[in-house]
PDB file of N, CA and C in Angstrom:
ATOM      1  N   MET A   1     100.857-204.493  -8.860  1.00  0.00           N
ATOM      2  CA  MET A   1     101.527-203.637  -9.203  1.00  0.00           C
ATOM      3  C   MET A   1     100.615-202.468  -9.930  1.00  0.00           C
ATOM      4  N   ASN A   2     101.075-201.295  -9.574  1.00  0.00           N
ATOM      5  CA  ASN A   2      99.967-200.103  -9.997  1.00  0.00           C
ATOM      6  C   ASN A   2     100.862-199.440 -10.970  1.00  0.00           C
ATOM      7  N   ASN A   3     100.357-199.523 -12.268  1.00  0.00           N
ATOM      8  CA  ASN A   3     100.988-198.722 -13.446  1.00  0.00           C
ATOM      9  C   ASN A   3     100.045-197.739 -13.654  1.00  0.00           C
ATOM     10  N   LYS A   4     100.393-196.323 -13.585  1.00  0.00           N
ATOM     11  CA  LYS A   4      99.678-195.050 -13.868  1.00  0.00           C
ATOM     12  C   LYS A   4      99.419-194.942 -15.251  1.00  0.00           C
ATOM     13  N   ASN A   5     100.147-195.574 -16.361  1.00  0.00           N
ATOM     14  CA  ASN A   5     100.124-195.491 -17.548  1.00  0.00           C
ATOM     15  C   ASN A   5      99.036-196.363 -18.253  1.00  0.00           C
ATOM     16  N   PHE A   6      98.653-197.322 -17.338  1.00  0.00           N
ATOM     17  CA  PHE A   6      97.810-198.293 -17.949  1.00  0.00           C
ATOM     18  C   PHE A   6      96.341-197.638 -18.093  1.00  0.00           C
ATOM     19  N   THR A   7      95.788-197.892 -19.474  1.00  0.00           N
ATOM     20  CA  THR A   7      94.245-197.405 -19.269  1.00  0.00           C
ATOM     21  C   THR A   7      93.466-198.545 -19.611  1.00  0.00           C
ATOM     22  N   GLU A   8      92.030-198.674 -18.927  1.00  0.00           N
ATOM     23  CA  GLU A   8      91.597-199.789 -19.045  1.00  0.00           C
ATOM     24  C   GLU A   8      90.691-199.929 -20.553  1.00  0.00           C
ATOM     25  N   VAL A   9      90.752-201.371 -20.801  1.00  0.00           N
ATOM     26  CA  VAL A   9      90.150-201.141 -22.242  1.00  0.00           C
ATOM     27  C   VAL A   9      88.750-202.362 -22.292  1.00  0.00           C
ATOM     28  N   ASN A  10      88.117-201.573 -22.887  1.00  0.00           N
ATOM     29  CA  ASN A  10      86.608-202.129 -23.094  1.00  0.00           C
ATOM     30  C   ASN A  10      86.404-202.468 -24.385  1.00  0.00           C
ATOM     31  N   CYS A  11      85.327-203.520 -24.698  1.00  0.00           N
ATOM     32  CA  CYS A  11      85.119-203.628 -25.973  1.00  0.00           C
ATOM     33  C   CYS A  11      83.880-203.168 -26.517  1.00  0.00           C
ATOM     34  N   CYS A  12      83.701-202.938 -27.770  1.00  0.00           N
ATOM     35  CA  CYS A  12      82.422-202.411 -28.374  1.00  0.00           C
ATOM     36  C   CYS A  12      81.207-203.434 -28.250  1.00  0.00           C
ATOM     37  N   PRO A  13      80.037-203.410 -27.780  1.00  0.00           N
ATOM     38  CA  PRO A  13      79.271-204.488 -27.906  1.00  0.00           C
ATOM     39  C   PRO A  13      78.748-204.891 -29.248  1.00  0.00           C
ATOM     40  N   PHE A  14      78.915-204.221 -30.246  1.00  0.00           N
ATOM     41  CA  PHE A  14      78.368-204.538 -31.483  1.00  0.00           C
ATOM     42  C   PHE A  14      79.389-205.193 -32.483  1.00  0.00           C
ATOM     43  N   CYS A  15      80.674-204.554 -32.550  1.00  0.00           N
ATOM     44  CA  CYS A  15      81.628-205.243 -33.195  1.00  0.00           C
ATOM     45  C   CYS A  15      82.908-205.871 -32.515  1.00  0.00           C
ATOM     46  N   GLU A  16      82.946-205.724 -31.267  1.00  0.00           N
ATOM     47  CA  GLU A  16      84.188-206.235 -30.384  1.00  0.00           C
ATOM     48  C   GLU A  16      85.368-205.877 -30.847  1.00  0.00           C
ATOM     49  N   ASN A  17      85.590-204.492 -31.233  1.00  0.00           N
ATOM     50  CA  ASN A  17      86.554-203.580 -31.304  1.00  0.00           C
ATOM     51  C   ASN A  17      86.878-203.282 -29.806  1.00  0.00           C
ATOM     52  N   GLU A  18      88.245-203.226 -29.659  1.00  0.00           N
ATOM     53  CA  GLU A  18      88.867-202.759 -28.436  1.00  0.00           C
ATOM     54  C   GLU A  18      88.622-201.098 -28.258  1.00  0.00           C
ATOM     55  N   LEU A  19      88.059-200.684 -27.060  1.00  0.00           N
ATOM     56  CA  LEU A  19      87.920-199.232 -27.091  1.00  0.00           C
ATOM     57  C   LEU A  19      88.740-199.015 -25.606  1.00  0.00           C
ATOM     58  N   GLU A  20      89.264-197.881 -25.485  1.00  0.00           N
ATOM     59  CA  GLU A  20      89.719-197.352 -24.244  1.00  0.00           C
ATOM     60  C   GLU A  20      88.619-196.745 -23.387  1.00  0.00           C
ATOM     61  N   GLN A  21      88.969-196.556 -22.164  1.00  0.00           N
ATOM     62  CA  GLN A  21      87.713-196.411 -21.202  1.00  0.00           C
ATOM     63  C   GLN A  21      86.990-195.096 -21.284  1.00  0.00           C
ATOM     64  N   ASP A  22      87.853-193.890 -21.944  1.00  0.00           N
ATOM     65  CA  ASP A  22      87.265-192.611 -21.952  1.00  0.00           C
ATOM     66  C   ASP A  22      86.531-192.527 -23.552  1.00  0.00           C
ATOM     67  N   ILE A  23      86.731-193.456 -24.166  1.00  0.00           N
ATOM     68  CA  ILE A  23      86.074-193.233 -25.724  1.00  0.00           C
ATOM     69  C   ILE A  23      84.710-193.409 -25.575  1.00  0.00           C
ATOM     70  N   THR A  24      84.032-192.426 -26.465  1.00  0.00           N
ATOM     71  CA  THR A  24      82.519-192.426 -26.241  1.00  0.00           C
ATOM     72  C   THR A  24      82.096-192.899 -27.719  1.00  0.00           C
ATOM     73  N   ARG A  25      82.775-193.166 -28.578  1.00  0.00           N
ATOM     74  CA  ARG A  25      82.506-193.591 -30.074  1.00  0.00           C
ATOM     75  C   ARG A  25      83.231-194.739 -30.665  1.00  0.00           C
ATOM     76  N   CYS A  26      82.674-195.527 -31.305  1.00  0.00           N
ATOM     77  CA  CYS A  26      83.761-196.847 -31.703  1.00  0.00           C
ATOM     78  C   CYS A  26      83.995-196.387 -33.124  1.00  0.00           C
ATOM     79  N   LYS A  27      85.340-196.318 -33.534  1.00  0.00           N
ATOM     80  CA  LYS A  27      85.915-196.014 -34.756  1.00  0.00           C
ATOM     81  C   LYS A  27      85.524-196.828 -35.952  1.00  0.00           C
ATOM     82  N   LYS A  28      85.113-198.033 -35.506  1.00  0.00           N
ATOM     83  CA  LYS A  28      84.911-199.294 -36.511  1.00  0.00           C
ATOM     84  C   LYS A  28      83.423-199.176 -37.020  1.00  0.00           C
ATOM     85  N   CYS A  29      82.465-199.084 -36.081  1.00  0.00           N
ATOM     86  CA  CYS A  29      81.352-199.370 -36.512  1.00  0.00           C
ATOM     87  C   CYS A  29      80.373-197.993 -36.450  1.00  0.00           C
ATOM     88  N   GLY A  30      80.911-197.184 -35.568  1.00  0.00           N
ATOM     89  CA  GLY A  30      80.094-195.800 -35.183  1.00  0.00           C
ATOM     90  C   GLY A  30      79.231-195.929 -34.039  1.00  0.00           C
ATOM     91  N   SER A  31      78.983-196.844 -33.296  1.00  0.00           N
ATOM     92  CA  SER A  31      78.057-197.155 -32.188  1.00  0.00           C
ATOM     93  C   SER A  31      78.606-195.860 -31.235  1.00  0.00           C
ATOM     94  N   GLU A  32      77.825-195.468 -30.414  1.00  0.00           N
ATOM     95  CA  GLU A  32      78.229-194.359 -29.489  1.00  0.00           C
ATOM     96  C   GLU A  32      77.566-194.557 -28.166  1.00  0.00           C
ATOM     97  N   ARG A  33      78.615-194.213 -26.913  1.00  0.00           N
ATOM     98  CA  ARG A  33      78.295-194.604 -25.662  1.00  0.00           C
ATOM     99  C   ARG A  33      77.454-193.294 -25.194  1.00  0.00           C
ATOM    100  N   ILE A  34      76.336-193.790 -24.544  1.00  0.00           N
ATOM    101  CA  ILE A  34      75.273-192.481 -24.186  1.00  0.00           C
ATOM    102  C   ILE A  34      75.125-192.865 -22.612  1.00  0.00           C
ATOM    103  N   GLU A  35      75.650-191.737 -21.910  1.00  0.00           N
ATOM    104  CA  GLU A  35      75.620-191.863 -20.470  1.00  0.00           C
ATOM    105  C   GLU A  35      74.128-190.918 -19.931  1.00  0.00           C
ATOM    106  N   GLY A  36      73.440-191.229 -18.874  1.00  0.00           N
ATOM    107  CA  GLY A  36      72.307-190.778 -18.751  1.00  0.00           C
ATOM    108  C   GLY A  36      71.018-191.019 -19.509  1.00  0.00           C
ATOM    109  N   HIS A  37      71.172-192.176 -20.168  1.00  0.00           N
ATOM    110  CA  HIS A  37      69.918-192.338 -21.148  1.00  0.00           C
ATOM    111  C   HIS A  37      68.559-192.539 -20.604  1.00  0.00           C
ATOM    112  N   ILE A  38      67.664-191.918 -21.409  1.00  0.00           N
ATOM    113  CA  ILE A  38      66.329-192.020 -20.932  1.00  0.00           C
ATOM    114  C   ILE A  38      65.638-192.742 -21.897  1.00  0.00           C
ATOM    115  N   SER A  39      64.949-193.919 -21.250  1.00  0.00           N
ATOM    116  CA  SER A  39      64.249-194.856 -22.071  1.00  0.00           C
ATOM    117  C   SER A  39      62.946-194.263 -23.043  1.00  0.00           C
ATOM    118  N   ARG A  40      62.490-194.976 -23.901  1.00  0.00           N
ATOM    119  CA  ARG A  40      61.285-194.375 -24.652  1.00  0.00           C
ATOM    120  C   ARG A  40      60.077-194.268 -23.788  1.00  0.00           C
ATOM    121  N   ASN A  41      59.909-195.344 -22.823  1.00  0.00           N
ATOM    122  CA  ASN A  41      58.765-195.213 -21.667  1.00  0.00           C
ATOM    123  C   ASN A  41      59.028-194.086 -20.921  1.00  0.00           C
ATOM    124  N   GLU A  42      60.117-193.823 -20.493  1.00  0.00           N
ATOM    125  CA  GLU A  42      60.258-192.634 -19.474  1.00  0.00           C
ATOM    126  C   GLU A  42      60.279-191.193 -20.405  1.00  0.00           C
ATOM    127  N   ARG A  43      60.591-191.179 -21.634  1.00  0.00           N
ATOM    128  CA  ARG A  43      60.458-189.993 -22.568  1.00  0.00           C
ATOM    129  C   ARG A  43      58.584-189.778 -22.699  1.00  0.00           C
ATOM    130  N   ARG A  44      57.976-190.883 -22.726  1.00  0.00           N
ATOM    131  CA  ARG A  44      56.749-190.907 -22.834  1.00  0.00           C
ATOM    132  C   ARG A  44      55.971-190.269 -21.477  1.00  0.00           C
ATOM    133  N   ILE A  45      56.401-190.611 -20.447  1.00  0.00           N
ATOM    134  CA  ILE A  45      56.114-190.274 -19.170  1.00  0.00           C
ATOM    135  C   ILE A  45      56.437-188.660 -19.167  1.00  0.00           C
ATOM    136  N   ILE A  46      57.534-188.288 -19.497  1.00  0.00           N
ATOM    137  CA  ILE A  46      57.878-187.015 -19.547  1.00  0.00           C
ATOM    138  C   ILE A  46      56.975-185.878 -20.405  1.00  0.00           C
ATOM    139  N   LEU A  47      56.619-186.515 -21.483  1.00  0.00           N
ATOM    140  CA  LEU A  47      55.724-185.858 -22.348  1.00  0.00           C
ATOM    141  C   LEU A  47      54.467-185.582 -21.695  1.00  0.00           C
ATOM    142  N   TRP A  48      53.898-186.593 -21.089  1.00  0.00           N
ATOM    143  CA  TRP A  48      52.449-186.628 -20.694  1.00  0.00           C
ATOM    144  C   TRP A  48      52.660-185.670 -19.259  1.00  0.00           C
ATOM    145  N   SER A  49      53.710-185.829 -18.456  1.00  0.00           N
ATOM    146  CA  SER A  49      53.633-185.023 -17.666  1.00  0.00           C
ATOM    147  C   SER A  49      53.779-183.596 -17.715  1.00  0.00           C
ATOM    148  N   ARG A  50      54.670-183.192 -18.915  1.00  0.00           N
ATOM    149  CA  ARG A  50      54.694-181.870 -19.428  1.00  0.00           C
ATOM    150  C   ARG A  50      53.232-181.308 -19.858  1.00  0.00           C
ATOM    151  N   VAL A  51      52.474-181.961 -20.655  1.00  0.00           N
ATOM    152  CA  VAL A  51      51.219-181.785 -21.281  1.00  0.00           C
ATOM    153  C   VAL A  51      50.229-181.466 -19.900  1.00  0.00           C
ATOM    154  N   THR A  52      50.333-182.395 -19.044  1.00  0.00           N
ATOM    155  CA  THR A  52      49.199-182.258 -17.815  1.00  0.00           C
ATOM    156  C   THR A  52      49.669-180.914 -17.322  1.00  0.00           C
ATOM    157  N   LEU A  53      51.055-180.807 -16.637  1.00  0.00           N
ATOM    158  CA  LEU A  53      51.228-179.657 -15.891  1.00  0.00           C
ATOM    159  C   LEU A  53      51.239-178.127 -16.840  1.00  0.00           C
ATOM    160  N   THR A  54      51.322-178.397 -18.137  1.00  0.00           N
ATOM    161  CA  THR A  54      51.044-177.129 -18.835  1.00  0.00           C
ATOM    162  C   THR A  54      49.619-176.854 -18.911  1.00  0.00           C
ATOM    163  N   VAL A  55      48.619-177.669 -19.038  1.00  0.00           N
ATOM    164  CA  VAL A  55      47.419-177.589 -19.082  1.00  0.00           C
ATOM    165  C   VAL A  55      46.726-177.163 -17.731  1.00  0.00           C
ATOM    166  N   LEU A  56      47.294-177.775 -16.691  1.00  0.00           N
ATOM    167  CA  LEU A  56      46.932-177.060 -15.395  1.00  0.00           C
ATOM    168  C   LEU A  56      47.203-175.743 -15.417  1.00  0.00           C
ATOM    169  N   SER A  57      48.326-175.232 -15.488  1.00  0.00           N
ATOM    170  CA  SER A  57      48.791-173.955 -15.621  1.00  0.00           C
ATOM    171  C   SER A  57      47.877-173.255 -16.271  1.00  0.00           C
ATOM    172  N   ILE A  58      47.594-173.518 -17.306  1.00  0.00           N
ATOM    173  CA  ILE A  58      46.678-172.655 -18.377  1.00  0.00           C
ATOM    174  C   ILE A  58      45.221-172.659 -17.638  1.00  0.00           C
ATOM    175  N   VAL A  59      44.870-173.747 -17.162  1.00  0.00           N
ATOM    176  CA  VAL A  59      43.457-173.659 -16.652  1.00  0.00           C
ATOM    177  C   VAL A  59      43.576-172.836 -15.491  1.00  0.00           C
ATOM    178  N   TYR A  60      44.602-172.747 -14.465  1.00  0.00           N
ATOM    179  CA  TYR A  60      44.576-172.089 -13.260  1.00  0.00           C
ATOM    180  C   TYR A  60      44.692-170.456 -13.703  1.00  0.00           C
ATOM    181  N   TYR A  61      45.628-170.422 -14.676  1.00  0.00           N
ATOM    182  CA  TYR A  61      45.646-168.962 -15.057  1.00  0.00           C
ATOM    183  C   TYR A  61      44.428-168.380 -15.545  1.00  0.00           C
ATOM    184  N   ALA A  62      43.521-169.103 -16.685  1.00  0.00           N
ATOM    185  CA  ALA A  62      42.637-168.757 -16.892  1.00  0.00           C
ATOM    186  C   ALA A  62      41.102-168.521 -16.124  1.00  0.00           C
ATOM    187  N   ASN A  63      41.363-169.181 -15.199  1.00  0.00           N
ATOM    188  CA  ASN A  63      40.277-168.945 -13.958  1.00  0.00           C
ATOM    189  C   ASN A  63      40.467-167.929 -12.927  1.00  0.00           C
ATOM    190  N   TYR A  64      41.686-167.719 -12.465  1.00  0.00           N
ATOM    191  CA  TYR A  64      42.171-166.948 -11.435  1.00  0.00           C
ATOM    192  C   TYR A  64      42.707-165.701 -11.880  1.00  0.00           C
ATOM    193  N   SER A  65      43.239-165.467 -13.149  1.00  0.00           N
ATOM    194  CA  SER A  65      43.884-164.437 -13.406  1.00  0.00           C
ATOM    195  C   SER A  65      42.831-163.104 -13.758  1.00  0.00           C
ATOM    196  N   PRO A  66      41.672-163.364 -14.099  1.00  0.00           N
ATOM    197  CA  PRO A  66      40.889-162.198 -14.169  1.00  0.00           C
ATOM    198  C   PRO A  66      40.389-161.716 -12.867  1.00  0.00           C
ATOM    199  N   THR A  67      40.416-162.433 -11.918  1.00  0.00           N
ATOM    200  CA  THR A  67      40.074-161.720 -10.674  1.00  0.00           C
ATOM    201  C   THR A  67      41.263-161.077  -9.979  1.00  0.00           C
ATOM    202  N   SER A  68      42.363-161.479 -10.287  1.00  0.00           N
ATOM    203  CA  SER A  68      43.552-160.902  -9.863  1.00  0.00           C
ATOM    204  C   SER A  68      43.559-159.072 -10.066  1.00  0.00           C
ATOM    205  N   GLN A  69      44.113-158.519  -9.037  1.00  0.00           N
ATOM    206  CA  GLN A  69      44.231-156.921  -9.304  1.00  0.00           C
ATOM    207  C   GLN A  69      45.425-156.708  -9.831  1.00  0.00           C
ATOM    208  N   ASN A  70      46.476-157.562  -9.913  1.00  0.00           N
ATOM    209  CA  ASN A  70      47.749-157.349 -10.513  1.00  0.00           C
ATOM    210  C   ASN A  70      48.116-158.373 -11.526  1.00  0.00           C
ATOM    211  N   ASN A  71      47.683-157.711 -12.742  1.00  0.00           N
ATOM    212  CA  ASN A  71      47.631-158.544 -13.942  1.00  0.00           C
ATOM    213  C   ASN A  71      49.260-158.825 -14.403  1.00  0.00           C
ATOM    214  N   LEU A  72      50.164-157.888 -14.386  1.00  0.00           N
ATOM    215  CA  LEU A  72      51.609-158.246 -14.765  1.00  0.00           C
ATOM    216  C   LEU A  72      52.182-159.459 -13.844  1.00  0.00           C
ATOM    217  N   LEU A  73      51.905-159.298 -12.430  1.00  0.00           N
ATOM    218  CA  LEU A  73      52.298-160.304 -11.455  1.00  0.00           C
ATOM    219  C   LEU A  73      51.896-161.606 -12.053  1.00  0.00           C
ATOM    220  N   SER A  74      50.484-161.864 -12.236  1.00  0.00           N
ATOM    221  CA  SER A  74      49.837-163.093 -12.519  1.00  0.00           C
ATOM    222  C   SER A  74      50.221-163.531 -13.769  1.00  0.00           C
ATOM    223  N   PHE A  75      50.784-162.703 -15.032  1.00  0.00           N
ATOM    224  CA  PHE A  75      51.159-163.246 -16.127  1.00  0.00           C
ATOM    225  C   PHE A  75      52.422-163.686 -15.853  1.00  0.00           C
ATOM    226  N   LEU A  76      53.350-163.100 -15.178  1.00  0.00           N
ATOM    227  CA  LEU A  76      54.748-163.571 -14.783  1.00  0.00           C
ATOM    228  C   LEU A  76      54.803-164.923 -14.146  1.00  0.00           C
ATOM    229  N   LEU A  77      53.828-165.143 -13.478  1.00  0.00           N
ATOM    230  CA  LEU A  77      53.884-166.270 -12.546  1.00  0.00           C
ATOM    231  C   LEU A  77      53.339-167.418 -13.436  1.00  0.00           C
ATOM    232  N   PHE A  78      52.358-166.949 -14.427  1.00  0.00           N
ATOM    233  CA  PHE A  78      52.052-167.918 -15.581  1.00  0.00           C
ATOM    234  C   PHE A  78      53.309-168.430 -16.485  1.00  0.00           C
ATOM    235  N   ILE A  79      54.025-167.437 -16.760  1.00  0.00           N
ATOM    236  CA  ILE A  79      55.161-167.824 -17.599  1.00  0.00           C
ATOM    237  C   ILE A  79      56.229-168.478 -16.765  1.00  0.00           C
ATOM    238  N   VAL A  80      56.398-168.402 -15.450  1.00  0.00           N
ATOM    239  CA  VAL A  80      57.288-169.246 -14.854  1.00  0.00           C
ATOM    240  C   VAL A  80      56.703-170.543 -14.690  1.00  0.00           C
ATOM    241  N   SER A  81      55.209-170.720 -14.325  1.00  0.00           N
ATOM    242  CA  SER A  81      54.924-172.015 -14.176  1.00  0.00           C
ATOM    243  C   SER A  81      54.928-172.939 -15.568  1.00  0.00           C
ATOM    244  N   ILE A  82      54.860-172.261 -16.675  1.00  0.00           N
ATOM    245  CA  ILE A  82      54.886-172.956 -17.806  1.00  0.00           C
ATOM    246  C   ILE A  82      56.316-173.357 -18.083  1.00  0.00           C
ATOM    247  N   ILE A  83      57.309-172.407 -17.780  1.00  0.00           N
ATOM    248  CA  ILE A  83      58.784-173.055 -17.879  1.00  0.00           C
ATOM    249  C   ILE A  83      59.181-174.057 -16.993  1.00  0.00           C
ATOM    250  N   LEU A  84      58.492-174.181 -15.745  1.00  0.00           N
ATOM    251  CA  LEU A  84      58.787-174.922 -14.807  1.00  0.00           C
ATOM    252  C   LEU A  84      58.312-176.397 -15.251  1.00  0.00           C
ATOM    253  N   SER A  85      57.106-176.108 -15.854  1.00  0.00           N
ATOM    254  CA  SER A  85      56.110-177.604 -16.199  1.00  0.00           C
ATOM    255  C   SER A  85      57.076-178.158 -17.403  1.00  0.00           C
ATOM    256  N   LEU A  86      57.729-177.517 -17.951  1.00  0.00           N
ATOM    257  CA  LEU A  86      58.579-177.933 -19.217  1.00  0.00           C
ATOM    258  C   LEU A  86      59.733-178.488 -18.805  1.00  0.00           C
ATOM    259  N   THR A  87      60.379-178.002 -17.723  1.00  0.00           N
ATOM    260  CA  THR A  87      61.880-178.389 -17.477  1.00  0.00           C
ATOM    261  C   THR A  87      61.997-179.432 -16.263  1.00  0.00           C
ATOM    262  N   ILE A  88      61.020-179.325 -15.362  1.00  0.00           N
ATOM    263  CA  ILE A  88      61.117-180.196 -14.193  1.00  0.00           C
ATOM    264  C   ILE A  88      61.081-181.559 -14.417  1.00  0.00           C
ATOM    265  N   PRO A  89      59.981-182.239 -15.237  1.00  0.00           N
ATOM    266  CA  PRO A  89      60.059-183.447 -15.568  1.00  0.00           C
ATOM    267  C   PRO A  89      61.200-184.008 -16.254  1.00  0.00           C
ATOM    268  N   LYS A  90      62.058-183.196 -16.922  1.00  0.00           N
ATOM    269  CA  LYS A  90      63.197-183.572 -17.866  1.00  0.00           C
ATOM    270  C   LYS A  90      64.301-183.538 -16.765  1.00  0.00           C
ATOM    271  N   LEU A  91      64.496-182.784 -15.743  1.00  0.00           N
ATOM    272  CA  LEU A  91      65.356-182.790 -14.817  1.00  0.00           C
ATOM    273  C   LEU A  91      65.403-183.935 -13.839  1.00  0.00           C
ATOM    274  N   ILE A  92      64.019-184.355 -13.517  1.00  0.00           N
ATOM    275  CA  ILE A  92      63.787-185.401 -12.597  1.00  0.00           C
ATOM    276  C   ILE A  92      64.300-186.939 -13.288  1.00  0.00           C
ATOM    277  N   PHE A  93      64.074-187.049 -14.510  1.00  0.00           N
ATOM    278  CA  PHE A  93      64.562-188.225 -15.259  1.00  0.00           C
ATOM    279  C   PHE A  93      66.188-188.098 -15.517  1.00  0.00           C
ATOM    280  N   LYS A  94      66.702-186.996 -15.754  1.00  0.00           N
ATOM    281  CA  LYS A  94      68.136-186.751 -15.949  1.00  0.00           C
ATOM    282  C   LYS A  94      68.806-186.991 -14.890  1.00  0.00           C
ATOM    283  N   PHE A  95      68.088-186.664 -13.618  1.00  0.00           N
ATOM    284  CA  PHE A  95      68.950-187.041 -12.331  1.00  0.00           C
ATOM    285  C   PHE A  95      68.610-188.257 -11.917  1.00  0.00           C
ATOM    286  N   LYS A  96      67.555-188.983 -12.261  1.00  0.00           N
ATOM    287  CA  LYS A  96      67.216-190.396 -11.806  1.00  0.00           C
ATOM    288  C   LYS A  96      68.181-191.345 -12.600  1.00  0.00           C
ATOM    289  N   ASN A  97      68.409-191.048 -14.001  1.00  0.00           N
ATOM    290  CA  ASN A  97      69.142-191.936 -14.979  1.00  0.00           C
ATOM    291  C   ASN A  97      70.568-191.491 -15.173  1.00  0.00           C
ATOM    292  N   ARG A  98      71.246-190.811 -14.272  1.00  0.00           N
ATOM    293  CA  ARG A  98      72.534-190.246 -14.372  1.00  0.00           C
ATOM    294  C   ARG A  98      73.504-191.115 -14.531  1.00  0.00           C
ATOM    295  N   GLY A  99      73.394-192.381 -13.961  1.00  0.00           N
ATOM    296  CA  GLY A  99      74.225-193.472 -14.028  1.00  0.00           C
ATOM    297  C   GLY A  99      74.144-194.666 -14.988  1.00  0.00           C
ATOM    298  N   ASN A 100      72.824-194.367 -15.941  1.00  0.00           N
ATOM    299  CA  ASN A 100      72.482-195.396 -16.886  1.00  0.00           C
ATOM    300  C   ASN A 100      73.196-195.169 -18.029  1.00  0.00           C
ATOM    301  N   VAL A 101      74.195-196.037 -18.409  1.00  0.00           N
ATOM    302  CA  VAL A 101      75.103-195.910 -19.740  1.00  0.00           C
ATOM    303  C   VAL A 101      74.730-197.182 -20.668  1.00  0.00           C
ATOM    304  N   ILE A 102      74.470-196.755 -21.945  1.00  0.00           N
ATOM    305  CA  ILE A 102      74.234-197.544 -22.993  1.00  0.00           C
ATOM    306  C   ILE A 102      74.991-197.390 -24.284  1.00  0.00           C
ATOM    307  N   TRP A 103      74.992-198.468 -25.102  1.00  0.00           N
ATOM    308  CA  TRP A 103      75.790-198.401 -26.480  1.00  0.00           C
ATOM    309  C   TRP A 103      74.920-198.333 -27.382  1.00  0.00           C
ATOM    310  N   LYS A 104      74.828-197.282 -28.124  1.00  0.00           N
ATOM    311  CA  LYS A 104      73.552-197.145 -29.309  1.00  0.00           C
ATOM    312  C   LYS A 104      74.240-197.252 -30.647  1.00  0.00           C
ATOM    313  N   LYS A 105      73.855-198.256 -31.339  1.00  0.00           N
ATOM    314  CA  LYS A 105      74.186-198.189 -32.760  1.00  0.00           C
ATOM    315  C   LYS A 105      73.635-197.306 -33.762  1.00  0.00           C
ATOM    316  N   LYS A 106      74.582-196.538 -34.456  1.00  0.00           N
ATOM    317  CA  LYS A 106      74.001-195.491 -35.361  1.00  0.00           C
ATOM    318  C   LYS A 106      73.537-196.349 -36.629  1.00  0.00           C
ATOM    319  N   THR A 107      72.289-196.011 -37.185  1.00  0.00           N
ATOM    320  CA  THR A 107      71.867-196.397 -38.397  1.00  0.00           C
ATOM    321  C   THR A 107      72.114-195.739 -39.434  1.00  0.00           C
ATOM    322  N   PHE A 108      72.592-196.152 -40.357  1.00  0.00           N
ATOM    323  CA  PHE A 108      72.896-195.534 -41.727  1.00  0.00           C
ATOM    324  C   PHE A 108      71.678-195.588 -42.689  1.00  0.00           C
ATOM    325  N   PRO A 109      71.360-194.436 -43.406  1.00  0.00           N
ATOM    326  CA  PRO A 109      70.385-194.686 -44.442  1.00  0.00           C
ATOM    327  C   PRO A 109      71.071-195.460 -45.585  1.00  0.00           C
ATOM    328  N   VAL A 110      70.100-196.274 -46.193  1.00  0.00           N
ATOM    329  CA  VAL A 110      70.643-197.059 -47.436  1.00  0.00           C
ATOM    330  C   VAL A 110      69.829-196.408 -48.773  1.00  0.00           C
TER     331      VAL A 110
END
């Protein structure tokens, strides 16, 4: 029997409080459901790939910009390469982890 008013019930992994399917925060313990979570190791990879791509952009601009005839175009390309080097690694891992769902317990200062 299909009941359209039925909502699926989940439990909080920390306090075992019953939660509805679309709830993202436990009212009892304050833990939060995070979708698309990026682990600490992956964040470290993002950081180092950003640093590497930014350094490569700076080195390329420093070596080849003085020989360029159009300084404005080379400067704009440099700015675009910096922006892309900062956003592309994050987008790759966000797309890769889009189905990764975790519950994270909020820690309160004592």
